[in-house]
């Protein structure tokens, strides 16, 4: 039983989590990770052309990782006037879905017969840094969690409506991401009667099989291009040891993300060592099968346990990935938090210790949310991918448009490693993804073929390179690159323009010489060490500058 004070504190935590989503999503909307614009760009093109490609002419390839979210955004694109409105719609949807997820998680825990935990589990999840990041980014994870929570809520339903929701939620969940089936399949082990589990398995496998057939027929591949691309560096590591460390990395990031919940658990365990010792002693007295039967006797532990286990296996199986830490675990995260809080409440045997635990949890999570806001306010945000936001990447479009207009081209091919904002806002650009994910050939072959593929096969009119992407493409060592391209600096960003295109507007430009260290003249220099900017330039970029020797700028412009 909960006393009034503990119950009121839980309601406050729940309300704080609900309020945090729209508030932080609004104030830090500029921190949107660039990858969110990739799916939006595909949705925009599909809605207006009926062809699944990043921009018209970029090529048919499954360069996004979520079919269902792409289709949802395509529907949004039908009723929005501009790409910016589409991106805003995606962000509003993901924020609203996370608000619903917090409410639905509370309902699920109450249905499990634990109203004392409902507000705390929902509030703790809503105040996780990852939850707030997903509310900001406008990506598919809040939709995936909503569908999984809906399936869990209806798992034991005996009504036709409830069973139908369970089947539909599972089927749609499978369409969210290619690996989604790994997360929801364990629920089939808990469905009763068995014939209902067989029907659900048939429906979900049928949806997965149909999606795979359509993928093979339309895209010519059994797997999304993004998964194929991630076999290569920098997404996978070149040595076995490095790859092993990449797969073990979630242990650290998960512990850091759950630090506040774990601190409360540790506090309670230390304060009530006798109860902890009794539980450990009980574990030692039981055989492994008997311990499992006793531990998973309650239905809530069965459901949360299998989903958490599946989520952790997927998280460590995928390993450290680009984007918000522990993003692969997002759909299982609420269930892991629930299990930790359940154990905390069990160890807190007295009402006094439980009140202490609840108060400590509230204070720690409120403090964490303040820290979340401070991190989001950083000029380098989002800190998991510093400065790689939709706004920053979209800033590459105006200079390329200036080149296109000056050259008198209706459209052109732009090769660039960070592509989301370029795809969404580059109406006249055919985008070649030097980051592999949205290019079929590079995804299959990797960077070993990059110089030949870029310079001889695709021959983009404009190339943008920076930081480690410069080294990965290998263009610095290709003499053909220096013969066929001219380096330009526009709006303090560096581009390489194919020489025949450059000659169309050469009279509008002036030539300047690089300094001996590879830096441009002071007025153009964004390559100085420590200067906050996107793109960020490194030693490889300066080496290319020295080899070019000169660069061009538009006369009378800001270069």
Protein backbone atom coordinates (compact mmCIF):
# COMPACT_ATOMS: atom_id res chain seq x y z
CA UNK A 1 0.00 0.00 0.00
CA UNK A 2 1.11 3.55 -0.74
CA UNK A 3 0.69 6.39 1.70
CA UNK A 4 -0.65 9.69 0.45
CA UNK A 5 2.77 11.40 0.40
CA UNK A 6 4.39 8.69 -1.72
CA UNK A 7 1.42 8.60 -4.07
CA UNK A 8 1.48 12.39 -4.51
CA UNK A 9 5.21 12.39 -5.21
CA UNK A 10 4.67 9.74 -7.90
CA UNK A 11 1.97 11.84 -9.54
CA UNK A 12 4.36 14.83 -9.57
CA UNK A 13 7.08 12.73 -11.18
CA UNK A 14 4.62 11.50 -13.81
CA UNK A 15 3.44 15.06 -14.53
CA UNK A 16 7.03 16.30 -14.79
CA UNK A 17 7.83 13.61 -17.34
CA UNK A 18 4.78 14.54 -19.42
CA UNK A 19 5.62 18.24 -19.35
CA UNK A 20 9.28 17.67 -20.20
CA UNK A 21 8.58 16.21 -23.65
CA UNK A 22 6.89 19.19 -25.38
CA UNK A 23 8.89 21.79 -23.43
CA UNK A 24 12.33 20.43 -24.25
CA UNK A 25 11.28 19.46 -27.78
CA UNK A 26 10.18 23.07 -28.36
CA UNK A 27 13.11 24.90 -26.78
CA UNK A 28 15.74 22.61 -28.31
CA UNK A 29 14.12 21.88 -31.67
CA UNK A 30 17.32 22.95 -33.43
CA UNK A 31 19.16 19.97 -31.93
CA UNK A 32 17.42 17.57 -34.33
CA UNK A 33 19.83 14.86 -35.47
CA UNK A 34 20.42 14.95 -39.23
CA UNK A 35 19.43 11.30 -39.77
CA UNK A 36 15.79 12.18 -39.10
CA UNK A 37 15.76 14.20 -42.32
CA UNK A 38 16.82 11.16 -44.38
CA UNK A 39 13.54 9.32 -43.79
CA UNK A 40 11.62 12.58 -44.22
CA UNK A 41 13.35 13.19 -47.56
CA UNK A 42 12.43 9.75 -48.88
CA UNK A 43 8.86 10.29 -47.67
CA UNK A 44 8.68 13.69 -49.38
CA UNK A 45 9.90 12.32 -52.71
CA UNK A 46 7.65 9.26 -52.52
CA UNK A 47 4.60 11.38 -51.70
CA UNK A 48 5.13 13.67 -54.69
CA UNK A 49 6.60 11.30 -57.31
CA UNK A 50 5.54 7.80 -56.30
CA UNK A 51 9.20 6.69 -56.45
CA UNK A 52 11.18 5.66 -53.37
CA UNK A 53 14.37 7.71 -53.64
CA UNK A 54 16.03 10.46 -51.63
CA UNK A 55 15.50 13.18 -54.25
CA UNK A 56 14.25 12.85 -57.84
CA UNK A 57 17.03 11.23 -59.84
CA UNK A 58 19.15 10.15 -56.85
CA UNK A 59 18.36 6.50 -57.49
CA UNK A 60 16.01 3.87 -56.04
CA UNK A 61 17.61 2.50 -52.89
CA UNK A 62 16.31 1.75 -49.39
CA UNK A 63 18.50 4.32 -47.67
CA UNK A 64 16.20 4.65 -44.65
CA UNK A 65 15.84 2.10 -41.85
CA UNK A 66 12.11 2.28 -41.13
CA UNK A 67 9.42 1.42 -43.65
CA UNK A 68 6.39 2.22 -41.52
CA UNK A 69 7.66 5.63 -40.37
CA UNK A 70 8.56 6.53 -43.95
CA UNK A 71 5.01 5.72 -45.03
CA UNK A 72 3.55 7.72 -42.13
CA UNK A 73 5.67 10.73 -43.10
CA UNK A 74 4.68 10.28 -46.75
CA UNK A 75 1.07 10.73 -45.65
CA UNK A 76 2.11 13.85 -43.71
CA UNK A 77 3.96 15.12 -46.79
CA UNK A 78 0.72 14.92 -48.76
CA UNK A 79 -0.86 17.56 -46.51
CA UNK A 80 2.18 19.78 -45.83
CA UNK A 81 3.35 22.48 -48.21
CA UNK A 82 7.10 22.45 -47.61
CA UNK A 83 9.91 20.11 -46.47
CA UNK A 84 10.27 22.24 -43.34
CA UNK A 85 6.61 21.66 -42.52
CA UNK A 86 7.12 17.92 -43.05
CA UNK A 87 10.07 17.89 -40.66
CA UNK A 88 8.04 19.86 -38.14
CA UNK A 89 5.19 17.37 -38.51
CA UNK A 90 7.56 14.46 -37.87
CA UNK A 91 8.86 16.14 -34.73
CA UNK A 92 5.37 16.90 -33.43
CA UNK A 93 4.31 13.30 -34.05
CA UNK A 94 7.31 11.80 -32.25
CA UNK A 95 6.79 14.13 -29.29
CA UNK A 96 3.06 13.32 -29.05
CA UNK A 97 3.82 9.60 -29.33
CA UNK A 98 6.26 9.83 -26.45
CA UNK A 99 3.65 11.61 -24.33
CA UNK A 100 1.26 8.77 -25.16
CA UNK A 101 3.98 6.24 -24.37
CA UNK A 102 4.39 7.64 -20.87
CA UNK A 103 0.63 7.47 -20.33
CA UNK A 104 0.37 3.98 -21.84
CA UNK A 105 3.29 2.66 -19.78
CA UNK A 106 1.51 3.86 -16.66
CA UNK A 107 -1.64 2.04 -17.80
CA UNK A 108 0.30 -1.17 -18.51
CA UNK A 109 1.88 -1.17 -15.03
CA UNK A 110 -1.49 -0.54 -13.40
CA UNK A 111 -2.97 -3.41 -15.42
CA UNK A 112 -0.19 -5.60 -14.02
CA UNK A 113 -1.59 -4.84 -10.57
CA UNK A 114 1.18 -2.47 -9.47
CA UNK A 115 -0.42 0.98 -9.12
CA UNK A 116 2.28 1.83 -6.56
CA UNK A 117 4.89 1.55 -9.31
CA UNK A 118 2.92 3.00 -12.24
CA UNK A 119 3.69 6.70 -11.79
CA UNK A 120 7.31 6.08 -10.86
CA UNK A 121 8.03 3.74 -13.79
CA UNK A 122 6.34 6.08 -16.28
CA UNK A 123 7.99 9.15 -14.78
CA UNK A 124 11.46 7.60 -14.68
CA UNK A 125 11.19 6.53 -18.31
CA UNK A 126 9.91 9.95 -19.40
CA UNK A 127 12.84 11.70 -17.74
CA UNK A 128 15.51 9.53 -19.35
CA UNK A 129 17.88 11.50 -21.58
CA UNK A 130 17.17 9.10 -24.45
CA UNK A 131 13.41 9.67 -24.16
CA UNK A 132 13.83 13.43 -24.47
CA UNK A 133 16.20 13.02 -27.43
CA UNK A 134 13.64 10.85 -29.21
CA UNK A 135 10.94 13.46 -28.57
CA UNK A 136 13.18 16.02 -30.29
CA UNK A 137 14.45 14.01 -33.25
CA UNK A 138 11.25 13.14 -35.09
CA UNK A 139 12.28 9.53 -35.75
CA UNK A 140 10.59 6.14 -35.58
CA UNK A 141 11.45 4.93 -32.07
CA UNK A 142 8.48 6.53 -30.26
CA UNK A 143 6.16 4.87 -32.80
CA UNK A 144 7.83 1.50 -32.22
CA UNK A 145 7.45 1.81 -28.45
CA UNK A 146 3.82 2.87 -28.78
CA UNK A 147 3.03 -0.23 -30.82
CA UNK A 148 4.90 -2.51 -28.41
CA UNK A 149 3.14 -1.04 -25.38
CA UNK A 150 -0.21 -1.43 -27.15
CA UNK A 151 0.59 -5.09 -27.82
CA UNK A 152 1.61 -5.64 -24.18
CA UNK A 153 -1.51 -3.88 -22.90
CA UNK A 154 -3.71 -6.20 -24.98
CA UNK A 155 -1.63 -9.34 -24.42
CA UNK A 156 -4.09 -10.89 -21.95
CA UNK A 157 -7.22 -9.35 -23.46
CA UNK A 158 -10.11 -11.76 -24.08
CA UNK A 159 -12.17 -9.38 -26.19
CA UNK A 160 -12.18 -9.42 -29.98
CA UNK A 161 -11.13 -5.77 -30.02
CA UNK A 162 -8.21 -6.38 -27.67
CA UNK A 163 -6.96 -9.40 -29.62
CA UNK A 164 -7.29 -7.47 -32.87
CA UNK A 165 -5.23 -4.60 -31.44
CA UNK A 166 -2.59 -7.10 -30.34
CA UNK A 167 -2.33 -8.59 -33.83
CA UNK A 168 -2.34 -5.20 -35.57
CA UNK A 169 0.19 -3.61 -33.22
CA UNK A 170 2.57 -6.54 -33.69
CA UNK A 171 2.19 -6.51 -37.46
CA UNK A 172 2.88 -2.78 -37.67
CA UNK A 173 5.79 -3.11 -35.24
CA UNK A 174 7.44 -5.61 -37.58
CA UNK A 175 7.25 -3.00 -40.36
CA UNK A 176 9.05 -0.35 -38.30
CA UNK A 177 12.58 -1.74 -38.55
CA UNK A 178 14.09 -4.86 -40.07
CA UNK A 179 15.29 -6.12 -36.67
CA UNK A 180 12.01 -5.30 -34.91
CA UNK A 181 10.81 -8.91 -35.03
CA UNK A 182 13.55 -9.84 -32.55
CA UNK A 183 11.95 -7.54 -29.98
CA UNK A 184 8.34 -8.57 -30.29
CA UNK A 185 8.67 -12.28 -31.10
CA UNK A 186 9.22 -13.24 -27.41
CA UNK A 187 5.66 -12.15 -26.66
CA UNK A 188 4.50 -15.15 -28.68
CA UNK A 189 5.88 -17.40 -25.92
CA UNK A 190 3.46 -15.81 -23.46
CA UNK A 191 0.30 -15.82 -25.57
CA UNK A 192 -2.41 -18.19 -24.39
CA UNK A 193 -4.17 -20.24 -25.62
CA UNK A 194 -1.59 -21.72 -27.98
CA UNK A 195 -3.82 -21.38 -31.03
CA UNK A 196 -3.88 -17.62 -30.48
CA UNK A 197 -0.07 -17.62 -30.45
CA UNK A 198 -0.06 -19.60 -33.70
CA UNK A 199 -2.40 -17.09 -35.35
CA UNK A 200 -0.26 -14.16 -34.17
CA UNK A 201 2.94 -15.84 -35.37
CA UNK A 202 1.36 -16.55 -38.76
CA UNK A 203 0.22 -12.92 -39.15
CA UNK A 204 3.53 -11.40 -38.05
CA UNK A 205 5.66 -13.79 -40.07
CA UNK A 206 3.36 -13.18 -43.02
CA UNK A 207 3.88 -9.42 -42.76
CA UNK A 208 7.66 -9.88 -42.44
CA UNK A 209 7.74 -12.26 -45.42
CA UNK A 210 5.59 -10.00 -47.58
CA UNK A 211 7.77 -6.98 -46.77
CA UNK A 212 10.89 -8.96 -47.67
CA UNK A 213 9.41 -10.07 -51.02
CA UNK A 214 8.44 -6.49 -51.86
CA UNK A 215 11.90 -5.28 -50.83
CA UNK A 216 13.56 -7.88 -53.05
CA UNK A 217 11.35 -7.01 -56.00
CA UNK A 218 11.51 -3.21 -55.70
CA UNK A 219 15.00 -2.59 -54.34
CA UNK A 220 16.73 -5.76 -55.53
CA UNK A 221 17.95 -6.66 -52.02
CA UNK A 222 16.81 -8.81 -49.12
CA UNK A 223 18.11 -6.37 -46.51
CA UNK A 224 17.81 -2.57 -46.21
CA UNK A 225 20.76 -0.74 -47.72
CA UNK A 226 21.58 0.75 -44.32
CA UNK A 227 22.21 -2.70 -42.82
CA UNK A 228 24.39 -3.74 -45.77
CA UNK A 229 26.41 -0.52 -45.46
CA UNK A 230 27.09 -1.00 -41.77
CA UNK A 231 29.28 -4.03 -42.45
CA UNK A 232 31.98 -1.52 -43.39
CA UNK A 233 34.10 0.95 -41.45
CA UNK A 234 33.35 3.37 -39.80
CA UNK A 235 30.16 1.60 -38.70
CA UNK A 236 32.00 -1.68 -38.04
CA UNK A 237 35.55 -1.86 -36.72
CA UNK A 238 38.51 -3.19 -38.74
CA UNK A 239 39.91 -5.58 -36.07
CA UNK A 240 38.24 -8.30 -33.99
CA UNK A 241 39.26 -6.64 -30.74
CA UNK A 242 37.86 -3.28 -31.77
CA UNK A 243 34.66 -4.92 -32.98
CA UNK A 244 34.32 -6.79 -29.68
CA UNK A 245 34.76 -3.54 -27.76
CA UNK A 246 32.11 -1.93 -29.95
CA UNK A 247 29.65 -4.68 -29.05
CA UNK A 248 30.46 -4.39 -25.34
CA UNK A 249 30.21 -0.59 -25.31
CA UNK A 250 26.46 -0.58 -24.45
CA UNK A 251 27.34 -1.86 -20.96
CA UNK A 252 28.90 1.51 -20.13
CA UNK A 253 26.34 3.72 -21.85
CA UNK A 254 23.42 1.77 -20.39
CA UNK A 255 24.81 2.04 -16.86
CA UNK A 256 25.32 5.77 -17.36
CA UNK A 257 21.80 6.24 -18.70
CA UNK A 258 20.21 4.33 -15.80
CA UNK A 259 22.55 5.80 -13.19
CA UNK A 260 19.83 7.58 -11.18
CA UNK A 261 17.58 4.52 -10.97
CA UNK A 262 20.56 2.32 -10.09
CA UNK A 263 21.68 4.73 -7.36
CA UNK A 264 18.29 4.47 -5.68
CA UNK A 265 18.41 0.67 -5.92
CA UNK A 266 21.90 0.64 -4.37
CA UNK A 267 20.79 3.01 -1.61
CA UNK A 268 17.85 0.79 -0.68
CA UNK A 269 19.97 -2.38 -0.87
CA UNK A 270 22.57 -0.88 1.49
CA UNK A 271 19.96 0.44 3.90
CA UNK A 272 18.14 -2.90 3.99
CA UNK A 273 21.06 -5.30 3.75
CA UNK A 274 19.19 -7.94 5.70
CA UNK A 275 16.49 -8.26 3.03
CA UNK A 276 19.10 -8.29 0.28
CA UNK A 277 21.01 -11.04 2.06
CA UNK A 278 17.79 -13.03 2.49
CA UNK A 279 17.07 -12.84 -1.24
CA UNK A 280 20.62 -13.85 -2.15
CA UNK A 281 20.51 -16.71 0.33
CA UNK A 282 17.24 -17.87 -1.18
CA UNK A 283 18.81 -17.84 -4.64
CA UNK A 284 21.66 -20.00 -3.37
CA UNK A 285 19.27 -22.58 -1.97
CA UNK A 286 17.38 -23.08 -5.23
CA UNK A 287 18.42 -24.88 -8.38
CA UNK A 288 18.57 -22.78 -11.53
CA UNK A 289 15.23 -24.09 -12.91
CA UNK A 290 13.54 -23.61 -9.55
CA UNK A 291 14.91 -20.09 -9.20
CA UNK A 292 13.66 -19.20 -12.68
CA UNK A 293 10.20 -20.59 -11.91
CA UNK A 294 10.01 -18.60 -8.70
CA UNK A 295 11.41 -15.40 -10.19
CA UNK A 296 9.13 -15.44 -13.22
CA UNK A 297 6.02 -16.65 -11.41
CA UNK A 298 4.33 -13.27 -11.75
CA UNK A 299 3.02 -12.29 -15.17
CA UNK A 300 4.48 -8.79 -15.06
CA UNK A 301 7.98 -10.18 -14.52
CA UNK A 302 7.51 -12.66 -17.36
CA UNK A 303 6.49 -9.99 -19.85
CA UNK A 304 8.97 -7.34 -18.76
CA UNK A 305 11.69 -9.97 -18.43
CA UNK A 306 11.40 -11.44 -21.93
CA UNK A 307 11.16 -8.01 -23.55
CA UNK A 308 14.15 -6.71 -21.58
CA UNK A 309 16.16 -9.81 -22.46
CA UNK A 310 15.33 -9.45 -26.15
CA UNK A 311 16.18 -5.75 -26.04
CA UNK A 312 19.54 -6.35 -24.36
CA UNK A 313 20.44 -9.11 -26.82
CA UNK A 314 19.65 -6.79 -29.72
CA UNK A 315 21.47 -3.88 -28.07
CA UNK A 316 24.69 -5.82 -27.54
CA UNK A 317 24.27 -7.65 -30.84
CA UNK A 318 24.18 -4.38 -32.77
CA UNK A 319 26.78 -2.78 -30.51
CA UNK A 320 27.66 0.88 -30.28
CA UNK A 321 25.81 2.60 -33.08
CA UNK A 322 25.64 6.13 -34.42
CA UNK A 323 23.05 8.39 -32.87
CA UNK A 324 21.68 8.58 -29.31
CA UNK A 325 23.30 5.97 -27.03
CA UNK A 326 21.13 2.90 -26.40
CA UNK A 327 18.74 3.77 -29.20
CA UNK A 328 18.44 0.07 -30.11
CA UNK A 329 17.15 -0.60 -26.58
CA UNK A 330 14.55 2.15 -26.63
CA UNK A 331 11.50 -0.10 -27.07
CA UNK A 332 12.60 -2.34 -24.19
CA UNK A 333 13.88 0.44 -21.92
CA UNK A 334 10.58 1.03 -20.04
CA UNK A 335 10.43 -2.65 -19.10
CA UNK A 336 14.00 -2.65 -17.81
CA UNK A 337 13.25 0.44 -15.72
CA UNK A 338 10.12 -1.28 -14.37
CA UNK A 339 12.09 -4.35 -13.27
CA UNK A 340 14.70 -2.23 -11.51
CA UNK A 341 12.05 -0.21 -9.68
CA UNK A 342 10.13 -3.38 -8.80
CA UNK A 343 13.24 -4.79 -7.16
CA UNK A 344 13.85 -1.48 -5.39
CA UNK A 345 10.34 -1.44 -3.94
CA UNK A 346 10.68 -5.07 -2.89
CA UNK A 347 13.92 -4.40 -1.02
CA UNK A 348 12.43 -1.32 0.65
CA UNK A 349 10.57 -3.38 3.21
CA UNK A 350 9.36 -0.54 5.44
CA UNK A 351 7.14 2.39 4.57
CA UNK A 352 9.81 4.77 5.80
CA UNK A 353 12.52 3.38 3.51
CA UNK A 354 10.12 3.35 0.58
CA UNK A 355 9.35 7.03 1.14
CA UNK A 356 13.06 7.76 1.21
CA UNK A 357 13.58 5.81 -2.01
CA UNK A 358 10.75 7.65 -3.77
CA UNK A 359 12.01 11.04 -2.64
CA UNK A 360 15.57 10.23 -3.69
CA UNK A 361 14.35 9.01 -7.09
CA UNK A 362 12.38 12.21 -7.64
CA UNK A 363 15.31 14.45 -6.71
CA UNK A 364 17.84 12.52 -8.80
CA UNK A 365 15.61 12.37 -11.88
CA UNK A 366 14.73 16.07 -11.60
CA UNK A 367 18.44 16.85 -11.37
CA UNK A 368 19.11 14.63 -14.38
CA UNK A 369 16.50 16.52 -16.37
CA UNK A 370 18.21 19.82 -15.57
CA UNK A 371 21.48 18.28 -16.75
CA UNK A 372 19.70 17.06 -19.90
CA UNK A 373 18.60 20.62 -20.64
CA UNK A 374 22.14 21.90 -20.09
CA UNK A 375 23.54 19.31 -22.49
CA UNK A 376 20.92 20.19 -25.07
CA UNK A 377 21.86 23.86 -24.71
CA UNK A 378 25.50 23.13 -25.60
CA UNK A 379 26.70 24.77 -28.85
CA UNK A 380 27.96 21.32 -29.83
CA UNK A 381 24.55 19.64 -29.40
CA UNK A 382 23.57 16.96 -29.98
CA UNK A 383 26.60 15.74 -28.03
CA UNK A 384 26.29 12.15 -29.33
CA UNK A 385 26.87 13.52 -32.88
CA UNK A 386 28.32 16.99 -32.31
CA UNK A 387 26.75 19.66 -34.52
CA UNK A 388 25.39 17.09 -37.00
CA UNK A 389 21.91 18.61 -37.05
CA UNK A 390 19.40 19.00 -39.86
CA UNK A 391 19.94 22.75 -39.79
CA UNK A 392 23.73 22.44 -40.07
CA UNK A 393 23.62 19.95 -42.94
CA UNK A 394 20.93 21.94 -44.75
CA UNK A 395 23.39 24.84 -44.63
CA UNK A 396 25.33 23.10 -47.40
CA UNK A 397 22.43 23.55 -49.84
CA UNK A 398 22.58 27.34 -50.53
CA UNK A 399 26.26 27.31 -51.64
CA UNK A 400 25.63 24.33 -53.93
CA UNK A 401 22.54 26.06 -55.29
CA UNK A 402 24.72 29.10 -55.97
CA UNK A 403 27.07 26.89 -57.99
CA UNK A 404 24.18 25.27 -59.86
CA UNK A 405 22.61 28.62 -60.74
CA UNK A 406 25.91 30.14 -61.82
CA UNK A 407 26.61 27.12 -64.04
CA UNK A 408 23.13 27.31 -65.59
CA UNK A 409 22.29 23.70 -64.68
CA UNK A 410 18.77 22.46 -64.09
CA UNK A 411 20.08 20.02 -61.50
CA UNK A 412 23.37 18.45 -60.46
CA UNK A 413 24.85 15.54 -58.51
CA UNK A 414 26.20 16.48 -55.11
CA UNK A 415 28.46 13.96 -53.32
CA UNK A 416 28.43 14.51 -49.56
CA UNK A 417 28.84 12.31 -46.43
CA UNK A 418 26.19 13.97 -44.20
CA UNK A 419 23.06 13.85 -46.27
CA UNK A 420 19.79 14.31 -44.34
CA UNK A 421 19.36 18.08 -44.54
CA UNK A 422 20.74 18.11 -48.10
CA UNK A 423 18.23 15.49 -49.24
CA UNK A 424 15.26 17.17 -47.60
CA UNK A 425 15.99 20.72 -48.77
CA UNK A 426 17.99 20.15 -51.98
CA UNK A 427 15.17 20.28 -54.52
CA UNK A 428 17.50 20.38 -57.53
CA UNK A 429 20.22 18.09 -56.21
CA UNK A 430 20.81 14.43 -56.97
CA UNK A 431 22.48 13.27 -53.78
CA UNK A 432 25.36 10.78 -53.71
CA UNK A 433 25.86 9.54 -50.15
CA UNK A 434 29.57 9.29 -49.33
CA UNK A 435 28.51 7.95 -45.94
CA UNK A 436 27.49 4.68 -47.71
CA UNK A 437 23.97 4.34 -46.26
CA UNK A 438 22.03 5.70 -49.26
CA UNK A 439 24.29 4.47 -52.07
CA UNK A 440 23.82 0.89 -53.25
CA UNK A 441 27.31 0.40 -54.73
CA UNK A 442 29.28 1.92 -51.85
CA UNK A 443 27.12 0.02 -49.34
CA UNK A 444 28.08 -3.26 -50.99
CA UNK A 445 31.75 -2.56 -51.78
CA UNK A 446 32.80 -0.06 -49.12
CA UNK A 447 35.46 2.62 -49.48
CA UNK A 448 37.94 0.35 -51.29
CA UNK A 449 36.31 1.36 -54.59
CA UNK A 450 35.56 4.97 -53.60
CA UNK A 451 38.11 6.87 -55.76
CA UNK A 452 37.24 4.97 -58.95
CA UNK A 453 33.51 5.00 -58.22
CA UNK A 454 33.42 8.72 -57.42
CA UNK A 455 35.73 10.00 -60.17
CA UNK A 456 35.05 7.58 -63.05
CA UNK A 457 31.56 6.15 -62.52
CA UNK A 458 29.46 8.84 -60.83
CA UNK A 459 31.52 11.98 -61.59
CA UNK A 460 29.47 14.33 -59.36
CA UNK A 461 29.46 17.98 -60.32
CA UNK A 462 30.12 19.02 -56.70
CA UNK A 463 31.81 17.17 -53.82
CA UNK A 464 31.92 18.12 -50.14
CA UNK A 465 34.41 16.39 -47.81
CA UNK A 466 35.56 17.05 -44.26
CA UNK A 467 37.14 15.42 -41.24
CA UNK A 468 37.57 11.62 -41.29
CA UNK A 469 35.29 11.34 -44.33
CA UNK A 470 38.10 12.94 -46.35
CA UNK A 471 40.48 10.15 -45.37
CA UNK A 472 37.90 7.39 -45.97
CA UNK A 473 37.23 8.34 -49.59
CA UNK A 474 40.94 8.19 -50.47
CA UNK A 475 40.64 11.15 -52.86
CA UNK A 476 43.72 12.87 -51.43
CA UNK A 477 45.94 10.24 -53.07
CA UNK A 478 44.13 10.34 -56.44
CA UNK A 479 45.92 12.59 -59.02
CA UNK A 480 42.77 12.53 -61.15
CA UNK A 481 40.94 14.38 -58.38
CA UNK A 482 43.26 17.39 -58.67
CA UNK A 483 43.09 17.39 -62.46
CA UNK A 484 39.33 17.22 -62.76
CA UNK A 485 38.13 19.37 -59.84
CA UNK A 486 38.58 22.94 -58.64
CA UNK A 487 38.44 23.79 -54.95
CA UNK A 488 36.04 26.54 -53.90
CA UNK A 489 35.16 28.16 -50.58
CA UNK A 490 31.64 29.57 -50.31
CA UNK A 491 30.05 30.83 -47.09
CA UNK A 492 33.13 29.51 -45.27
CA UNK A 493 32.46 25.99 -46.51
CA UNK A 494 34.73 24.02 -48.83
CA UNK A 495 33.55 22.37 -52.03
CA UNK A 496 35.16 20.67 -55.01
CA UNK A 497 33.56 21.60 -58.33
CA UNK A 498 34.13 19.55 -61.47
CA UNK A 499 36.35 21.60 -63.77
CA UNK A 500 34.01 21.61 -66.79
CA UNK A 501 31.20 22.91 -64.55
CA UNK A 502 33.46 25.50 -62.95
CA UNK A 503 34.49 26.87 -66.34
CA UNK A 504 30.87 27.86 -66.99
CA UNK A 505 31.12 30.58 -64.33
CA UNK A 506 34.89 31.00 -63.87
CA UNK A 507 34.64 34.66 -64.87
CA UNK A 508 32.50 35.29 -61.78
CA UNK A 509 35.21 34.01 -59.44
CA UNK A 510 38.57 35.08 -58.07
CA UNK A 511 41.51 32.81 -57.28
CA UNK A 512 43.34 32.88 -53.97
CA UNK A 513 46.33 30.93 -52.71
CA UNK A 514 46.39 28.72 -49.63
CA UNK A 515 48.90 29.49 -46.95
CA UNK A 516 51.87 27.15 -46.57
CA UNK A 517 50.12 25.25 -43.77
CA UNK A 518 47.07 24.56 -45.94
CA UNK A 519 44.81 27.18 -44.39
CA UNK A 520 42.89 29.63 -46.59
CA UNK A 521 43.33 33.35 -46.13
CA UNK A 522 42.00 34.65 -42.81
CA UNK A 523 38.72 35.92 -44.26
CA UNK A 524 37.87 32.41 -45.53
CA UNK A 525 39.42 30.32 -42.77
CA UNK A 526 37.11 27.99 -40.86
CA UNK A 527 39.82 25.34 -40.63
CA UNK A 528 41.70 26.81 -37.68
CA UNK A 529 42.07 24.33 -34.84
CA UNK A 530 39.43 24.60 -32.14
CA UNK A 531 37.08 26.84 -34.09
CA UNK A 532 33.44 25.82 -33.61
CA UNK A 533 31.93 25.13 -37.00
CA UNK A 534 30.30 22.65 -39.32
CA UNK A 535 31.85 21.17 -41.37
CA UNK A 536 34.86 20.45 -39.15
CA UNK A 537 38.18 20.09 -40.93
CA UNK A 538 41.21 17.99 -39.98
CA UNK A 539 44.77 17.26 -41.09
CA UNK A 540 43.66 15.38 -44.20
CA UNK A 541 41.70 18.41 -45.35
CA UNK A 542 44.72 20.66 -44.99
CA UNK A 543 46.80 18.15 -46.97
CA UNK A 544 44.34 18.36 -49.86
CA UNK A 545 44.43 22.15 -49.68
CA UNK A 546 48.21 22.17 -49.97
CA UNK A 547 48.06 19.92 -53.02
CA UNK A 548 45.49 22.12 -54.74
CA UNK A 549 47.53 25.19 -53.86
CA UNK A 550 44.73 27.61 -54.77
CA UNK A 551 41.00 27.95 -54.30
CA UNK A 552 38.26 29.97 -55.96
CA UNK A 553 35.67 32.29 -54.44
CA UNK A 554 32.72 34.12 -55.94
CA UNK A 555 33.50 37.79 -56.48
CA UNK A 556 31.69 40.10 -54.07
CA UNK A 557 30.25 37.24 -52.01
CA UNK A 558 30.75 36.00 -48.45
CA UNK A 559 33.28 33.20 -48.89
